[in-house]
Amino acid sequence: PGLCCMIVLFNGMQSSLSMVYDREMGSMKLL
């Protein structure tokens, strides 16, 4: 179960990393 939560933790942070990338590329503003 802890390793399952590790997967969720890393996926949540990676999705947030994409938000930072989208903001730098400008696509976040369109959203």
Full PDB file with SEQRES, HELIX, SHEET, SSBOND, CRYST1, ORIGX, SCALE, CONECT and MASTER records, all heavy atoms in Angstrom:
SEQRES   1 A   31  PRO GLY LEU CYS CYS MET ILE VAL LEU PHE ASN GLY MET          
SEQRES   2 A   31  GLN SER SER LEU SER MET VAL TYR ASP ARG GLU MET GLY          
SEQRES   3 A   31  SER MET LYS LEU LEU                                          
HELIX    1 AA1 GLY A    2  MET A   25  1                                  24    
HELIX    2 AA2 SER A   27  LEU A   30  1                                   4    
CRYST1    1.000    1.000    1.000  90.00  90.00  90.00 P 1           1          
ORIGX1      1.000000  0.000000  0.000000        0.00000                         
ORIGX2      0.000000  1.000000  0.000000        0.00000                         
ORIGX3      0.000000  0.000000  1.000000        0.00000                         
SCALE1      1.000000  0.000000  0.000000        0.00000                         
SCALE2      0.000000  1.000000  0.000000        0.00000                         
SCALE3      0.000000  0.000000  1.000000        0.00000                         
ATOM      1  N   PRO A   1       0.817  -1.231   0.000  1.00  0.00           N  
ATOM      2  CA  PRO A   1       0.000   0.000   0.000  1.00  0.00           C  
ATOM      3  C   PRO A   1       0.842   1.268   0.000  1.00  0.00           C  
ATOM      4  O   PRO A   1       0.476   2.259  -0.647  1.00  0.00           O  
ATOM      5  CB  PRO A   1      -0.822  -0.123   1.292  1.00  0.00           C  
ATOM      6  CG  PRO A   1      -0.848  -1.584   1.588  1.00  0.00           C  
ATOM      7  CD  PRO A   1       0.479  -2.111   1.141  1.00  0.00           C  
ATOM      8  N   GLY A   2       1.974   1.242   0.718  1.00  0.00           N  
ATOM      9  CA  GLY A   2       2.851   2.410   0.721  1.00  0.00           C  
ATOM     10  C   GLY A   2       3.440   2.683  -0.642  1.00  0.00           C  
ATOM     11  O   GLY A   2       3.578   3.848  -1.054  1.00  0.00           O  
ATOM     12  N   LEU A   3       3.776   1.624  -1.376  1.00  0.00           N  
ATOM     13  CA  LEU A   3       4.319   1.798  -2.720  1.00  0.00           C  
ATOM     14  C   LEU A   3       3.243   2.296  -3.680  1.00  0.00           C  
ATOM     15  O   LEU A   3       3.535   3.057  -4.607  1.00  0.00           O  
ATOM     16  CB  LEU A   3       4.916   0.479  -3.215  1.00  0.00           C  
ATOM     17  CG  LEU A   3       6.112  -0.047  -2.402  1.00  0.00           C  
ATOM     18  CD1 LEU A   3       6.605  -1.365  -2.976  1.00  0.00           C  
ATOM     19  CD2 LEU A   3       7.244   0.978  -2.383  1.00  0.00           C  
ATOM     20  N   CYS A   4       2.004   1.864  -3.465  1.00  0.00           N  
ATOM     21  CA  CYS A   4       0.900   2.399  -4.278  1.00  0.00           C  
ATOM     22  C   CYS A   4       0.754   3.904  -4.057  1.00  0.00           C  
ATOM     23  O   CYS A   4       0.561   4.677  -5.011  1.00  0.00           O  
ATOM     24  CB  CYS A   4      -0.408   1.694  -3.923  1.00  0.00           C  
ATOM     25  SG  CYS A   4      -0.483  -0.046  -4.406  1.00  0.00           S  
ATOM     26  N   CYS A   5       0.851   4.317  -2.798  1.00  0.00           N  
ATOM     27  CA  CYS A   5       0.766   5.751  -2.497  1.00  0.00           C  
ATOM     28  C   CYS A   5       1.975   6.499  -3.044  1.00  0.00           C  
ATOM     29  O   CYS A   5       1.868   7.682  -3.392  1.00  0.00           O  
ATOM     30  CB  CYS A   5       0.642   5.964  -0.992  1.00  0.00           C  
ATOM     31  SG  CYS A   5      -0.964   5.483  -0.315  1.00  0.00           S  
ATOM     32  N   MET A   6       3.118   5.815  -3.126  1.00  0.00           N  
ATOM     33  CA  MET A   6       4.294   6.437  -3.748  1.00  0.00           C  
ATOM     34  C   MET A   6       4.004   6.765  -5.209  1.00  0.00           C  
ATOM     35  O   MET A   6       4.368   7.839  -5.703  1.00  0.00           O  
ATOM     36  CB  MET A   6       5.504   5.507  -3.667  1.00  0.00           C  
ATOM     37  CG  MET A   6       6.729   6.043  -4.411  1.00  0.00           C  
ATOM     38  SD  MET A   6       7.936   4.767  -4.827  1.00  0.00           S  
ATOM     39  CE  MET A   6       8.758   4.578  -3.265  1.00  0.00           C  
ATOM     40  N   ILE A   7       3.336   5.852  -5.910  1.00  0.00           N  
ATOM     41  CA  ILE A   7       2.976   6.084  -7.303  1.00  0.00           C  
ATOM     42  C   ILE A   7       2.067   7.310  -7.418  1.00  0.00           C  
ATOM     43  O   ILE A   7       2.257   8.173  -8.273  1.00  0.00           O  
ATOM     44  CB  ILE A   7       2.284   4.838  -7.893  1.00  0.00           C  
ATOM     45  CG1 ILE A   7       3.267   3.671  -7.953  1.00  0.00           C  
ATOM     46  CG2 ILE A   7       1.720   5.136  -9.276  1.00  0.00           C  
ATOM     47  CD1 ILE A   7       2.635   2.367  -8.388  1.00  0.00           C  
ATOM     48  N   VAL A   8       1.071   7.379  -6.521  1.00  0.00           N  
ATOM     49  CA  VAL A   8       0.147   8.516  -6.542  1.00  0.00           C  
ATOM     50  C   VAL A   8       0.888   9.808  -6.237  1.00  0.00           C  
ATOM     51  O   VAL A   8       0.637  10.852  -6.861  1.00  0.00           O  
ATOM     52  CB  VAL A   8      -0.992   8.291  -5.528  1.00  0.00           C  
ATOM     53  CG1 VAL A   8      -1.957   9.473  -5.556  1.00  0.00           C  
ATOM     54  CG2 VAL A   8      -1.745   7.005  -5.848  1.00  0.00           C  
ATOM     55  N   LEU A   9       1.819   9.761  -5.278  1.00  0.00           N  
ATOM     56  CA  LEU A   9       2.581  10.953  -4.898  1.00  0.00           C  
ATOM     57  C   LEU A   9       3.418  11.460  -6.061  1.00  0.00           C  
ATOM     58  O   LEU A   9       3.403  12.662  -6.383  1.00  0.00           O  
ATOM     59  CB  LEU A   9       3.477  10.618  -3.704  1.00  0.00           C  
ATOM     60  CG  LEU A   9       4.436  11.723  -3.221  1.00  0.00           C  
ATOM     61  CD1 LEU A   9       3.653  12.952  -2.782  1.00  0.00           C  
ATOM     62  CD2 LEU A   9       5.298  11.197  -2.077  1.00  0.00           C  
ATOM     63  N   PHE A  10       4.148  10.569  -6.724  1.00  0.00           N  
ATOM     64  CA  PHE A  10       4.988  10.986  -7.839  1.00  0.00           C  
ATOM     65  C   PHE A  10       4.142  11.471  -9.013  1.00  0.00           C  
ATOM     66  O   PHE A  10       4.511  12.441  -9.683  1.00  0.00           O  
ATOM     67  CB  PHE A  10       5.887   9.826  -8.285  1.00  0.00           C  
ATOM     68  CG  PHE A  10       7.189   9.763  -7.539  1.00  0.00           C  
ATOM     69  CD1 PHE A  10       7.286   9.059  -6.361  1.00  0.00           C  
ATOM     70  CD2 PHE A  10       8.321  10.417  -8.013  1.00  0.00           C  
ATOM     71  CE1 PHE A  10       8.483   9.002  -5.652  1.00  0.00           C  
ATOM     72  CE2 PHE A  10       9.518  10.378  -7.328  1.00  0.00           C  
ATOM     73  CZ  PHE A  10       9.604   9.662  -6.137  1.00  0.00           C  
ATOM     74  N   ASN A  11       3.011  10.816  -9.260  1.00  0.00           N  
ATOM     75  CA  ASN A  11       2.169  11.247 -10.376  1.00  0.00           C  
ATOM     76  C   ASN A  11       1.572  12.624 -10.100  1.00  0.00           C  
ATOM     77  O   ASN A  11       1.485  13.468 -11.007  1.00  0.00           O  
ATOM     78  CB  ASN A  11       1.048  10.237 -10.611  1.00  0.00           C  
ATOM     79  CG  ASN A  11       0.190  10.588 -11.812  1.00  0.00           C  
ATOM     80  OD1 ASN A  11       0.658  10.640 -12.945  1.00  0.00           O  
ATOM     81  ND2 ASN A  11      -1.086  10.856 -11.574  1.00  0.00           N  
ATOM     82  N   GLY A  12       1.176  12.873  -8.853  1.00  0.00           N  
ATOM     83  CA  GLY A  12       0.636  14.182  -8.508  1.00  0.00           C  
ATOM     84  C   GLY A  12       1.663  15.286  -8.685  1.00  0.00           C  
ATOM     85  O   GLY A  12       1.351  16.368  -9.196  1.00  0.00           O  
ATOM     86  N   MET A  13       2.909  15.001  -8.273  1.00  0.00           N  
ATOM     87  CA  MET A  13       3.953  16.012  -8.413  1.00  0.00           C  
ATOM     88  C   MET A  13       4.355  16.204  -9.876  1.00  0.00           C  
ATOM     89  O   MET A  13       4.646  17.324 -10.313  1.00  0.00           O  
ATOM     90  CB  MET A  13       5.176  15.612  -7.573  1.00  0.00           C  
ATOM     91  CG  MET A  13       4.919  15.671  -6.091  1.00  0.00           C  
ATOM     92  SD  MET A  13       4.458  17.338  -5.542  1.00  0.00           S  
ATOM     93  CE  MET A  13       3.804  17.009  -3.916  1.00  0.00           C  
ATOM     94  N   GLN A  14       4.370  15.123 -10.657  1.00  0.00           N  
ATOM     95  CA  GLN A  14       4.698  15.253 -12.070  1.00  0.00           C  
ATOM     96  C   GLN A  14       3.624  16.031 -12.822  1.00  0.00           C  
ATOM     97  O   GLN A  14       3.928  16.822 -13.724  1.00  0.00           O  
ATOM     98  CB  GLN A  14       4.895  13.871 -12.695  1.00  0.00           C  
ATOM     99  CG  GLN A  14       6.224  13.229 -12.344  1.00  0.00           C  
ATOM    100  CD  GLN A  14       6.449  11.939 -13.102  1.00  0.00           C  
ATOM    101  OE1 GLN A  14       5.519  11.177 -13.352  1.00  0.00           O  
ATOM    102  NE2 GLN A  14       7.688  11.664 -13.449  1.00  0.00           N  
ATOM    103  N   SER A  15       2.366  15.818 -12.461  1.00  0.00           N  
ATOM    104  CA  SER A  15       1.286  16.586 -13.089  1.00  0.00           C  
ATOM    105  C   SER A  15       1.418  18.063 -12.753  1.00  0.00           C  
ATOM    106  O   SER A  15       1.152  18.930 -13.596  1.00  0.00           O  
ATOM    107  CB  SER A  15      -0.075  16.058 -12.616  1.00  0.00           C  
ATOM    108  OG  SER A  15      -0.272  14.725 -13.032  1.00  0.00           O  
ATOM    109  N   SER A  16       1.841  18.352 -11.526  1.00  0.00           N  
ATOM    110  CA  SER A  16       2.048  19.745 -11.135  1.00  0.00           C  
ATOM    111  C   SER A  16       3.256  20.332 -11.841  1.00  0.00           C  
ATOM    112  O   SER A  16       3.276  21.524 -12.173  1.00  0.00           O  
ATOM    113  CB  SER A  16       2.217  19.842  -9.622  1.00  0.00           C  
ATOM    114  OG  SER A  16       1.079  19.316  -8.977  1.00  0.00           O  
ATOM    115  N   LEU A  17       4.264  19.500 -12.078  1.00  0.00           N  
ATOM    116  CA  LEU A  17       5.428  19.954 -12.836  1.00  0.00           C  
ATOM    117  C   LEU A  17       5.021  20.381 -14.242  1.00  0.00           C  
ATOM    118  O   LEU A  17       5.540  21.361 -14.789  1.00  0.00           O  
ATOM    119  CB  LEU A  17       6.480  18.848 -12.897  1.00  0.00           C  
ATOM    120  CG  LEU A  17       7.775  19.151 -13.660  1.00  0.00           C  
ATOM    121  CD1 LEU A  17       8.522  20.302 -12.993  1.00  0.00           C  
ATOM    122  CD2 LEU A  17       8.651  17.909 -13.711  1.00  0.00           C  
ATOM    123  N   SER A  18       4.061  19.669 -14.817  1.00  0.00           N  
ATOM    124  CA  SER A  18       3.570  20.039 -16.142  1.00  0.00           C  
ATOM    125  C   SER A  18       2.848  21.386 -16.099  1.00  0.00           C  
ATOM    126  O   SER A  18       2.853  22.128 -17.084  1.00  0.00           O  
ATOM    127  CB  SER A  18       2.625  18.959 -16.682  1.00  0.00           C  
ATOM    128  OG  SER A  18       1.418  18.909 -15.936  1.00  0.00           O  
ATOM    129  N   MET A  19       2.241  21.714 -14.942  1.00  0.00           N  
ATOM    130  CA  MET A  19       1.606  23.027 -14.806  1.00  0.00           C  
ATOM    131  C   MET A  19       2.650  24.138 -14.869  1.00  0.00           C  
ATOM    132  O   MET A  19       2.425  25.183 -15.484  1.00  0.00           O  
ATOM    133  CB  MET A  19       0.847  23.096 -13.477  1.00  0.00           C  
ATOM    134  CG  MET A  19      -0.326  22.147 -13.367  1.00  0.00           C  
ATOM    135  SD  MET A  19      -1.817  22.757 -14.161  1.00  0.00           S  
ATOM    136  CE  MET A  19      -2.362  23.978 -12.980  1.00  0.00           C  
ATOM    137  N   VAL A  20       3.791  23.904 -14.210  1.00  0.00           N  
ATOM    138  CA  VAL A  20       4.873  24.896 -14.256  1.00  0.00           C  
ATOM    139  C   VAL A  20       5.388  25.036 -15.687  1.00  0.00           C  
ATOM    140  O   VAL A  20       5.638  26.144 -16.175  1.00  0.00           O  
ATOM    141  CB  VAL A  20       6.020  24.488 -13.308  1.00  0.00           C  
ATOM    142  CG1 VAL A  20       7.155  25.504 -13.363  1.00  0.00           C  
ATOM    143  CG2 VAL A  20       5.506  24.357 -11.881  1.00  0.00           C  
ATOM    144  N   TYR A  21       5.520  23.905 -16.389  1.00  0.00           N  
ATOM    145  CA  TYR A  21       5.984  23.924 -17.777  1.00  0.00           C  
ATOM    146  C   TYR A  21       4.978  24.657 -18.668  1.00  0.00           C  
ATOM    147  O   TYR A  21       5.366  25.473 -19.516  1.00  0.00           O  
ATOM    148  CB  TYR A  21       6.187  22.490 -18.263  1.00  0.00           C  
ATOM    149  CG  TYR A  21       6.645  22.395 -19.696  1.00  0.00           C  
ATOM    150  CD1 TYR A  21       7.982  22.561 -20.030  1.00  0.00           C  
ATOM    151  CD2 TYR A  21       5.733  22.129 -20.724  1.00  0.00           C  
ATOM    152  CE1 TYR A  21       8.409  22.477 -21.344  1.00  0.00           C  
ATOM    153  CE2 TYR A  21       6.148  22.045 -22.043  1.00  0.00           C  
ATOM    154  CZ  TYR A  21       7.490  22.219 -22.348  1.00  0.00           C  
ATOM    155  OH  TYR A  21       7.899  22.138 -23.650  1.00  0.00           O  
ATOM    156  N   ASP A  22       3.690  24.386 -18.475  1.00  0.00           N  
ATOM    157  CA  ASP A  22       2.657  25.050 -19.275  1.00  0.00           C  
ATOM    158  C   ASP A  22       2.656  26.555 -19.026  1.00  0.00           C  
ATOM    159  O   ASP A  22       2.416  27.346 -19.950  1.00  0.00           O  
ATOM    160  CB  ASP A  22       1.277  24.477 -18.942  1.00  0.00           C  
ATOM    161  CG  ASP A  22       1.096  23.073 -19.487  1.00  0.00           C  
ATOM    162  OD1 ASP A  22       1.897  22.672 -20.354  1.00  0.00           O  
ATOM    163  OD2 ASP A  22       0.170  22.371 -19.032  1.00  0.00           O  
ATOM    164  N   ARG A  23       2.928  26.945 -17.785  1.00  0.00           N  
ATOM    165  CA  ARG A  23       2.952  28.373 -17.479  1.00  0.00           C  
ATOM    166  C   ARG A  23       4.112  29.056 -18.187  1.00  0.00           C  
ATOM    167  O   ARG A  23       3.969  30.175 -18.699  1.00  0.00           O  
ATOM    168  CB  ARG A  23       3.059  28.581 -15.968  1.00  0.00           C  
ATOM    169  CG  ARG A  23       3.006  30.055 -15.551  1.00  0.00           C  
ATOM    170  CD  ARG A  23       2.930  30.184 -14.049  1.00  0.00           C  
ATOM    171  NE  ARG A  23       4.061  29.537 -13.416  1.00  0.00           N  
ATOM    172  CZ  ARG A  23       4.009  28.900 -12.245  1.00  0.00           C  
ATOM    173  NH1 ARG A  23       2.873  28.828 -11.598  1.00  0.00           N  
ATOM    174  NH2 ARG A  23       5.083  28.352 -11.727  1.00  0.00           N  
ATOM    175  N   GLU A  24       5.268  28.380 -18.241  1.00  0.00           N  
ATOM    176  CA  GLU A  24       6.418  28.977 -18.914  1.00  0.00           C  
ATOM    177  C   GLU A  24       6.227  29.018 -20.422  1.00  0.00           C  
ATOM    178  O   GLU A  24       6.696  29.926 -21.095  1.00  0.00           O  
ATOM    179  CB  GLU A  24       7.692  28.199 -18.566  1.00  0.00           C  
ATOM    180  CG  GLU A  24       8.144  28.365 -17.129  1.00  0.00           C  
ATOM    181  CD  GLU A  24       9.564  27.893 -16.912  1.00  0.00           C  
ATOM    182  OE1 GLU A  24      10.156  27.323 -17.854  1.00  0.00           O  
ATOM    183  OE2 GLU A  24      10.086  28.099 -15.813  1.00  0.00           O  
ATOM    184  N   MET A  25       5.503  28.024 -20.975  1.00  0.00           N  
ATOM    185  CA  MET A  25       5.281  27.977 -22.412  1.00  0.00           C  
ATOM    186  C   MET A  25       4.102  28.839 -22.853  1.00  0.00           C  
ATOM    187  O   MET A  25       3.909  29.079 -24.041  1.00  0.00           O  
ATOM    188  CB  MET A  25       5.040  26.524 -22.860  1.00  0.00           C  
ATOM    189  CG  MET A  25       6.232  25.597 -22.661  1.00  0.00           C  
ATOM    190  SD  MET A  25       7.683  26.075 -23.647  1.00  0.00           S  
ATOM    191  CE  MET A  25       8.721  26.807 -22.364  1.00  0.00           C  
ATOM    192  N   GLY A  26       3.276  29.263 -21.893  1.00  0.00           N  
ATOM    193  CA  GLY A  26       2.155  30.130 -22.227  1.00  0.00           C  
ATOM    194  C   GLY A  26       0.818  29.430 -22.372  1.00  0.00           C  
ATOM    195  O   GLY A  26      -0.218  30.094 -22.425  1.00  0.00           O  
ATOM    196  N   SER A  27       0.807  28.084 -22.439  1.00  0.00           N  
ATOM    197  CA  SER A  27      -0.459  27.377 -22.622  1.00  0.00           C  
ATOM    198  C   SER A  27      -1.340  27.446 -21.380  1.00  0.00           C  
ATOM    199  O   SER A  27      -2.569  27.326 -21.475  1.00  0.00           O  
ATOM    200  CB  SER A  27      -0.198  25.912 -22.993  1.00  0.00           C  
ATOM    201  OG  SER A  27       0.644  25.289 -22.035  1.00  0.00           O  
ATOM    202  N   MET A  28      -0.734  27.651 -20.209  1.00  0.00           N  
ATOM    203  CA  MET A  28      -1.518  27.783 -18.991  1.00  0.00           C  
ATOM    204  C   MET A  28      -2.427  29.016 -19.051  1.00  0.00           C  
ATOM    205  O   MET A  28      -3.567  28.992 -18.594  1.00  0.00           O  
ATOM    206  CB  MET A  28      -0.578  27.863 -17.782  1.00  0.00           C  
ATOM    207  CG  MET A  28      -1.278  28.212 -16.469  1.00  0.00           C  
ATOM    208  SD  MET A  28      -2.526  27.020 -15.989  1.00  0.00           S  
ATOM    209  CE  MET A  28      -1.476  25.656 -15.552  1.00  0.00           C  
ATOM    210  N   LYS A  29      -1.930  30.096 -19.641  1.00  0.00           N  
ATOM    211  CA  LYS A  29      -2.732  31.315 -19.745  1.00  0.00           C  
ATOM    212  C   LYS A  29      -3.972  31.081 -20.596  1.00  0.00           C  
ATOM    213  O   LYS A  29      -5.050  31.600 -20.307  1.00  0.00           O  
ATOM    214  CB  LYS A  29      -1.895  32.444 -20.338  1.00  0.00           C  
ATOM    215  CG  LYS A  29      -0.745  32.895 -19.429  1.00  0.00           C  
ATOM    216  CD  LYS A  29       0.029  34.034 -20.060  1.00  0.00           C  
ATOM    217  CE  LYS A  29       1.172  34.485 -19.153  1.00  0.00           C  
ATOM    218  NZ  LYS A  29       1.968  35.582 -19.759  1.00  0.00           N  
ATOM    219  N   LEU A  30      -3.825  30.267 -21.655  1.00  0.00           N  
ATOM    220  CA  LEU A  30      -4.983  29.975 -22.503  1.00  0.00           C  
ATOM    221  C   LEU A  30      -6.040  29.204 -21.723  1.00  0.00           C  
ATOM    222  O   LEU A  30      -7.242  29.439 -21.883  1.00  0.00           O  
ATOM    223  CB  LEU A  30      -4.529  29.161 -23.726  1.00  0.00           C  
ATOM    224  CG  LEU A  30      -3.599  29.876 -24.707  1.00  0.00           C  
ATOM    225  CD1 LEU A  30      -3.180  28.917 -25.824  1.00  0.00           C  
ATOM    226  CD2 LEU A  30      -4.280  31.111 -25.299  1.00  0.00           C  
ATOM    227  N   LEU A  31      -5.587  28.273 -20.867  1.00  0.00           N  
ATOM    228  CA  LEU A  31      -6.529  27.495 -20.073  1.00  0.00           C  
ATOM    229  C   LEU A  31      -7.261  28.372 -19.069  1.00  0.00           C  
ATOM    230  O   LEU A  31      -8.481  28.295 -18.924  1.00  0.00           O  
ATOM    231  CB  LEU A  31      -5.786  26.369 -19.354  1.00  0.00           C  
ATOM    232  CG  LEU A  31      -6.629  25.479 -18.418  1.00  0.00           C  
ATOM    233  CD1 LEU A  31      -7.685  24.738 -19.218  1.00  0.00           C  
ATOM    234  CD2 LEU A  31      -5.741  24.498 -17.671  1.00  0.00           C  
TER     235      LEU A  31                                                      
MASTER        0    0    0    2    0    0    0    6  234    1    0    3          
END                                                                             
